Amino acid sequence: MIGRQLWSEFFSNRDWPLASAVAILLLIILVVPIVIYRDVEARRVEARP
């Protein structure tokens, strides 16, 4: 669903700024939880006796 909307914004509507902003937003939404998870797991492993 989101991919189809991005495709539409990039190629059908030719609205490159909006499509780029949405792509960056999706990237941030994906990367931030992964980074937080890695940090939490690293702390958990270090705290193990």
C-alpha atoms as a PDB file:
ATOM      1  CA  MET A   1       0.000   0.000   0.000  1.00  0.00           C
ATOM      2  CA  ILE A   2       2.700   2.508   0.965  1.00  0.00           C
ATOM      3  CA  GLY A   3       4.944   1.364  -1.872  1.00  0.00           C
ATOM      4  CA  ARG A   4       2.170   1.890  -4.375  1.00  0.00           C
ATOM      5  CA  GLN A   5       1.587   5.405  -3.039  1.00  0.00           C
ATOM      6  CA  LEU A   6       5.297   6.206  -3.305  1.00  0.00           C
ATOM      7  CA  TRP A   7       5.365   4.855  -6.857  1.00  0.00           C
ATOM      8  CA  SER A   8       2.381   7.057  -7.680  1.00  0.00           C
ATOM      9  CA  GLU A   9       4.035  10.149  -6.190  1.00  0.00           C
ATOM     10  CA  PHE A  10       7.361   9.540  -7.934  1.00  0.00           C
ATOM     11  CA  PHE A  11       6.231   8.478 -11.386  1.00  0.00           C
ATOM     12  CA  SER A  12       2.569   9.318 -11.973  1.00  0.00           C
ATOM     13  CA  ASN A  13       2.250  12.652 -10.176  1.00  0.00           C
ATOM     14  CA  ARG A  14       5.911  13.590 -10.656  1.00  0.00           C
ATOM     15  CA  ASP A  15       5.889  15.155  -7.196  1.00  0.00           C
ATOM     16  CA  TRP A  16       9.519  14.426  -6.367  1.00  0.00           C
ATOM     17  CA  PRO A  17       9.826  16.585  -3.222  1.00  0.00           C
ATOM     18  CA  LEU A  18       6.812  14.995  -1.535  1.00  0.00           C
ATOM     19  CA  ALA A  19       7.839  11.476  -2.536  1.00  0.00           C
ATOM     20  CA  SER A  20      11.367  12.059  -1.270  1.00  0.00           C
ATOM     21  CA  ALA A  21      10.069  13.408   2.028  1.00  0.00           C
ATOM     22  CA  VAL A  22       7.796  10.391   2.469  1.00  0.00           C
ATOM     23  CA  ALA A  23      10.647   8.008   1.640  1.00  0.00           C
ATOM     24  CA  ILE A  24      12.929   9.669   4.206  1.00  0.00           C
ATOM     25  CA  LEU A  25      10.160   9.584   6.807  1.00  0.00           C
ATOM     26  CA  LEU A  26       9.639   5.863   6.201  1.00  0.00           C
ATOM     27  CA  LEU A  27      13.377   5.284   6.474  1.00  0.00           C
ATOM     28  CA  ILE A  28      13.482   7.100   9.820  1.00  0.00           C
ATOM     29  CA  ILE A  29      10.465   5.144  11.067  1.00  0.00           C
ATOM     30  CA  LEU A  30      12.306   1.941  10.173  1.00  0.00           C
ATOM     31  CA  VAL A  31      15.809   2.808  11.408  1.00  0.00           C
ATOM     32  CA  VAL A  32      15.050   4.495  14.757  1.00  0.00           C
ATOM     33  CA  PRO A  33      13.460   1.428  16.421  1.00  0.00           C
ATOM     34  CA  ILE A  34      16.315  -0.781  15.184  1.00  0.00           C
ATOM     35  CA  VAL A  35      18.917   1.555  16.690  1.00  0.00           C
ATOM     36  CA  ILE A  36      16.997   1.736  19.971  1.00  0.00           C
ATOM     37  CA  TYR A  37      16.698  -2.057  20.073  1.00  0.00           C
ATOM     38  CA  ARG A  38      20.442  -2.483  19.474  1.00  0.00           C
ATOM     39  CA  ASP A  39      21.222  -0.057  22.288  1.00  0.00           C
ATOM     40  CA  VAL A  40      18.869  -1.774  24.737  1.00  0.00           C
ATOM     41  CA  GLU A  41      20.231  -5.219  23.860  1.00  0.00           C
ATOM     42  CA  ALA A  42      23.841  -4.046  24.241  1.00  0.00           C
ATOM     43  CA  ARG A  43      23.076  -2.698  27.696  1.00  0.00           C
ATOM     44  CA  ARG A  44      21.274  -5.907  28.641  1.00  0.00           C
ATOM     45  CA  VAL A  45      24.223  -8.040  27.556  1.00  0.00           C
ATOM     46  CA  GLU A  46      26.686  -5.837  29.455  1.00  0.00           C
ATOM     47  CA  ALA A  47      24.587  -6.037  32.630  1.00  0.00           C
ATOM     48  CA  ARG A  48      24.598  -9.834  32.561  1.00  0.00           C
ATOM     49  CA  PRO A  49      26.713 -11.263  35.418  1.00  0.00           C
END
